[in-house]
N, C-alpha and C. Protein backbone atom coordinates (compact mmCIF):
# COMPACT_ATOMS: atom_id res chain seq x y z
N MET A 1 11.26 -27.84 70.54
CA MET A 1 12.09 -27.54 69.40
C MET A 1 11.23 -26.96 68.29
N ALA A 2 11.71 -25.91 67.68
CA ALA A 2 10.96 -25.24 66.63
C ALA A 2 10.97 -26.08 65.35
N ARG A 3 9.84 -26.10 64.71
CA ARG A 3 9.70 -26.86 63.47
C ARG A 3 10.13 -25.99 62.30
N LEU A 4 10.91 -26.55 61.38
CA LEU A 4 11.32 -25.81 60.20
C LEU A 4 10.15 -25.75 59.23
N ARG A 5 9.92 -24.59 58.68
CA ARG A 5 8.82 -24.40 57.75
C ARG A 5 9.36 -23.86 56.43
N SER A 6 8.67 -24.20 55.35
CA SER A 6 9.05 -23.68 54.04
C SER A 6 8.68 -22.20 53.96
N GLY A 7 9.16 -21.55 52.92
CA GLY A 7 8.84 -20.13 52.75
C GLY A 7 7.35 -19.89 52.56
N LEU A 8 6.70 -20.79 51.85
CA LEU A 8 5.26 -20.65 51.62
C LEU A 8 4.48 -20.85 52.92
N GLN A 9 4.90 -21.80 53.75
CA GLN A 9 4.25 -22.01 55.04
C GLN A 9 4.41 -20.78 55.93
N ARG A 10 5.60 -20.18 55.89
CA ARG A 10 5.82 -18.97 56.69
C ARG A 10 4.95 -17.82 56.19
N ASP A 11 4.78 -17.72 54.86
CA ASP A 11 3.93 -16.68 54.30
C ASP A 11 2.48 -16.84 54.76
N VAL A 12 1.99 -18.09 54.75
CA VAL A 12 0.62 -18.36 55.18
C VAL A 12 0.44 -18.01 56.65
N MET A 13 1.36 -18.47 57.49
CA MET A 13 1.26 -18.19 58.93
C MET A 13 1.38 -16.69 59.22
N ASN A 14 2.26 -16.01 58.50
CA ASN A 14 2.42 -14.57 58.69
C ASN A 14 1.16 -13.82 58.28
N CYS A 15 0.56 -14.22 57.17
CA CYS A 15 -0.68 -13.60 56.70
C CYS A 15 -1.79 -13.80 57.74
N TYR A 16 -1.92 -15.02 58.24
CA TYR A 16 -2.93 -15.34 59.26
C TYR A 16 -2.72 -14.49 60.51
N ARG A 17 -1.49 -14.41 60.96
CA ARG A 17 -1.16 -13.63 62.16
C ARG A 17 -1.49 -12.15 61.97
N LEU A 18 -1.11 -11.60 60.81
CA LEU A 18 -1.38 -10.18 60.55
C LEU A 18 -2.87 -9.89 60.45
N LEU A 19 -3.63 -10.81 59.83
CA LEU A 19 -5.08 -10.62 59.75
C LEU A 19 -5.71 -10.64 61.14
N LEU A 20 -5.27 -11.56 62.00
CA LEU A 20 -5.82 -11.61 63.36
C LEU A 20 -5.47 -10.35 64.15
N ARG A 21 -4.25 -9.88 64.00
CA ARG A 21 -3.86 -8.65 64.70
C ARG A 21 -4.68 -7.46 64.24
N ALA A 22 -4.95 -7.39 62.94
CA ALA A 22 -5.78 -6.30 62.43
C ALA A 22 -7.21 -6.43 62.97
N ALA A 23 -7.70 -7.66 63.08
CA ALA A 23 -9.06 -7.87 63.61
C ALA A 23 -9.12 -7.47 65.08
N TRP A 24 -8.07 -7.76 65.83
CA TRP A 24 -8.07 -7.41 67.25
C TRP A 24 -8.00 -5.90 67.46
N GLY A 25 -7.62 -5.16 66.42
CA GLY A 25 -7.57 -3.71 66.52
C GLY A 25 -8.92 -3.04 66.26
N LYS A 26 -9.91 -3.82 65.91
CA LYS A 26 -11.25 -3.28 65.64
C LYS A 26 -12.01 -3.10 66.95
N PRO A 27 -13.14 -2.38 66.93
CA PRO A 27 -13.93 -2.18 68.15
C PRO A 27 -14.34 -3.52 68.79
N ALA A 28 -14.42 -3.53 70.10
CA ALA A 28 -14.68 -4.76 70.85
C ALA A 28 -15.98 -5.45 70.45
N GLU A 29 -17.01 -4.68 70.10
CA GLU A 29 -18.30 -5.30 69.77
C GLU A 29 -18.29 -6.02 68.42
N THR A 30 -17.36 -5.67 67.53
CA THR A 30 -17.30 -6.34 66.22
C THR A 30 -16.07 -7.23 66.06
N GLN A 31 -15.21 -7.21 67.03
CA GLN A 31 -13.96 -7.96 66.98
C GLN A 31 -14.18 -9.46 66.78
N ALA A 32 -15.11 -10.03 67.51
CA ALA A 32 -15.37 -11.47 67.43
C ALA A 32 -15.83 -11.87 66.02
N GLY A 33 -16.60 -11.03 65.37
CA GLY A 33 -17.06 -11.31 64.01
C GLY A 33 -15.92 -11.36 63.01
N PHE A 34 -14.98 -10.42 63.15
CA PHE A 34 -13.81 -10.41 62.25
C PHE A 34 -12.95 -11.64 62.48
N VAL A 35 -12.68 -11.97 63.73
CA VAL A 35 -11.84 -13.13 64.05
C VAL A 35 -12.49 -14.41 63.55
N ALA A 36 -13.78 -14.56 63.75
CA ALA A 36 -14.49 -15.76 63.29
C ALA A 36 -14.44 -15.87 61.77
N MET A 37 -14.58 -14.75 61.07
CA MET A 37 -14.54 -14.75 59.61
C MET A 37 -13.16 -15.19 59.11
N ILE A 38 -12.10 -14.68 59.73
CA ILE A 38 -10.74 -15.03 59.32
C ILE A 38 -10.47 -16.50 59.59
N ARG A 39 -10.81 -16.97 60.77
CA ARG A 39 -10.58 -18.38 61.10
C ARG A 39 -11.35 -19.31 60.19
N ALA A 40 -12.60 -18.97 59.89
CA ALA A 40 -13.42 -19.81 59.01
C ALA A 40 -12.84 -19.86 57.61
N ASP A 41 -12.33 -18.73 57.13
CA ASP A 41 -11.77 -18.69 55.79
C ASP A 41 -10.52 -19.57 55.70
N PHE A 42 -9.67 -19.51 56.71
CA PHE A 42 -8.46 -20.34 56.70
C PHE A 42 -8.80 -21.82 56.87
N ARG A 43 -9.75 -22.14 57.73
CA ARG A 43 -10.12 -23.54 57.93
C ARG A 43 -10.80 -24.13 56.71
N LYS A 44 -11.54 -23.29 55.98
CA LYS A 44 -12.26 -23.76 54.79
C LYS A 44 -11.29 -24.37 53.78
N HIS A 45 -10.09 -23.83 53.71
CA HIS A 45 -9.11 -24.30 52.73
C HIS A 45 -8.14 -25.33 53.30
N SER A 46 -8.29 -25.70 54.55
CA SER A 46 -7.37 -26.67 55.11
C SER A 46 -8.02 -28.00 55.48
N TYR A 47 -9.34 -28.04 55.67
CA TYR A 47 -10.04 -29.27 56.02
C TYR A 47 -11.27 -29.44 55.15
N GLY A 48 -11.74 -30.67 55.06
CA GLY A 48 -13.01 -30.95 54.41
C GLY A 48 -12.95 -30.98 52.90
N PRO A 49 -14.11 -30.92 52.26
CA PRO A 49 -14.19 -31.07 50.80
C PRO A 49 -13.57 -29.92 50.02
N THR A 50 -13.43 -28.75 50.62
CA THR A 50 -12.83 -27.62 49.92
C THR A 50 -11.35 -27.48 50.22
N ALA A 51 -10.76 -28.47 50.89
CA ALA A 51 -9.35 -28.42 51.24
C ALA A 51 -8.49 -28.45 49.97
N ILE A 52 -7.34 -27.84 50.05
CA ILE A 52 -6.42 -27.82 48.93
C ILE A 52 -5.69 -29.15 48.87
N PRO A 53 -5.78 -29.89 47.75
CA PRO A 53 -5.08 -31.17 47.66
C PRO A 53 -3.57 -30.96 47.53
N LYS A 54 -2.80 -31.96 47.93
CA LYS A 54 -1.34 -31.86 47.82
C LYS A 54 -0.93 -32.10 46.39
N GLY A 55 0.08 -31.38 45.96
CA GLY A 55 0.57 -31.53 44.60
C GLY A 55 1.10 -30.22 44.06
N ALA A 56 1.58 -30.27 42.84
CA ALA A 56 2.20 -29.09 42.23
C ALA A 56 1.20 -27.97 42.01
N LYS A 57 -0.04 -28.31 41.65
CA LYS A 57 -1.04 -27.27 41.39
C LYS A 57 -1.46 -26.55 42.66
N SER A 58 -1.31 -27.22 43.80
CA SER A 58 -1.74 -26.61 45.05
C SER A 58 -0.87 -25.43 45.43
N ILE A 59 0.39 -25.43 45.02
CA ILE A 59 1.29 -24.32 45.37
C ILE A 59 0.78 -23.02 44.76
N SER A 60 0.36 -23.06 43.50
CA SER A 60 -0.14 -21.84 42.88
C SER A 60 -1.45 -21.39 43.53
N LYS A 61 -2.29 -22.34 43.95
CA LYS A 61 -3.54 -21.98 44.63
C LYS A 61 -3.25 -21.36 46.00
N ILE A 62 -2.28 -21.91 46.72
CA ILE A 62 -1.90 -21.35 48.02
C ILE A 62 -1.33 -19.96 47.85
N GLU A 63 -0.48 -19.77 46.84
CA GLU A 63 0.07 -18.44 46.59
C GLU A 63 -1.04 -17.44 46.26
N TYR A 64 -2.03 -17.89 45.48
CA TYR A 64 -3.18 -17.03 45.18
C TYR A 64 -3.93 -16.65 46.45
N LEU A 65 -4.15 -17.63 47.34
CA LEU A 65 -4.88 -17.35 48.57
C LEU A 65 -4.10 -16.43 49.50
N VAL A 66 -2.77 -16.52 49.49
CA VAL A 66 -1.95 -15.60 50.29
C VAL A 66 -2.09 -14.18 49.74
N ARG A 67 -2.07 -14.04 48.41
CA ARG A 67 -2.27 -12.71 47.82
C ARG A 67 -3.65 -12.16 48.15
N LYS A 68 -4.66 -13.03 48.11
CA LYS A 68 -6.02 -12.62 48.47
C LYS A 68 -6.07 -12.18 49.94
N GLY A 69 -5.37 -12.92 50.81
CA GLY A 69 -5.32 -12.56 52.22
C GLY A 69 -4.66 -11.22 52.46
N LYS A 70 -3.62 -10.92 51.67
CA LYS A 70 -2.95 -9.62 51.81
C LYS A 70 -3.87 -8.47 51.38
N LYS A 71 -4.70 -8.74 50.36
CA LYS A 71 -5.69 -7.72 49.95
C LYS A 71 -6.73 -7.52 51.05
N GLN A 72 -7.15 -8.63 51.67
CA GLN A 72 -8.10 -8.53 52.80
C GLN A 72 -7.48 -7.76 53.95
N LEU A 73 -6.18 -7.96 54.17
CA LEU A 73 -5.49 -7.25 55.24
C LEU A 73 -5.51 -5.75 55.00
N THR A 74 -5.30 -5.35 53.76
CA THR A 74 -5.34 -3.92 53.43
C THR A 74 -6.72 -3.35 53.73
N LEU A 75 -7.76 -4.09 53.37
CA LEU A 75 -9.12 -3.64 53.65
C LEU A 75 -9.40 -3.61 55.15
N LEU A 76 -8.92 -4.63 55.85
CA LEU A 76 -9.17 -4.74 57.29
C LEU A 76 -8.46 -3.65 58.08
N GLN A 77 -7.33 -3.19 57.58
CA GLN A 77 -6.58 -2.14 58.27
C GLN A 77 -7.18 -0.76 58.04
N ASN A 78 -8.16 -0.67 57.15
CA ASN A 78 -8.84 0.60 56.90
C ASN A 78 -9.64 0.98 58.15
N PRO A 79 -9.37 2.14 58.73
CA PRO A 79 -10.07 2.52 59.97
C PRO A 79 -11.57 2.75 59.79
N SER A 80 -12.03 3.00 58.58
CA SER A 80 -13.47 3.23 58.39
C SER A 80 -14.26 1.93 58.38
N LEU A 81 -13.61 0.78 58.26
CA LEU A 81 -14.29 -0.51 58.30
C LEU A 81 -14.59 -0.86 59.75
N LYS A 82 -15.86 -0.94 60.07
CA LYS A 82 -16.27 -1.15 61.47
C LYS A 82 -16.92 -2.50 61.72
N LYS A 83 -17.45 -3.14 60.66
CA LYS A 83 -18.28 -4.33 60.87
C LYS A 83 -17.97 -5.39 59.81
N ALA A 84 -17.90 -6.65 60.24
CA ALA A 84 -17.70 -7.75 59.30
C ALA A 84 -19.02 -8.09 58.64
N SER A 85 -18.96 -8.43 57.36
CA SER A 85 -20.21 -8.75 56.66
C SER A 85 -20.45 -10.25 56.62
């Protein structure tokens, strides 16, 4: 059974999915670096000491991170970008 998600949760998952798809479109030799960078960035904000705490302030931080992810997506979709830094 599919789990119901809030609009913000759907935005986060959609951003993650689009970033991974853009990374998979890069050359095979650099693809793993892009995927690892994206996964590490998302995990950094979901577990451990840098995790986003629950509460009203966290919604604005999550929205900020989704906007940041969309900017990264625009950069990642640029065909001249060949290598993750």
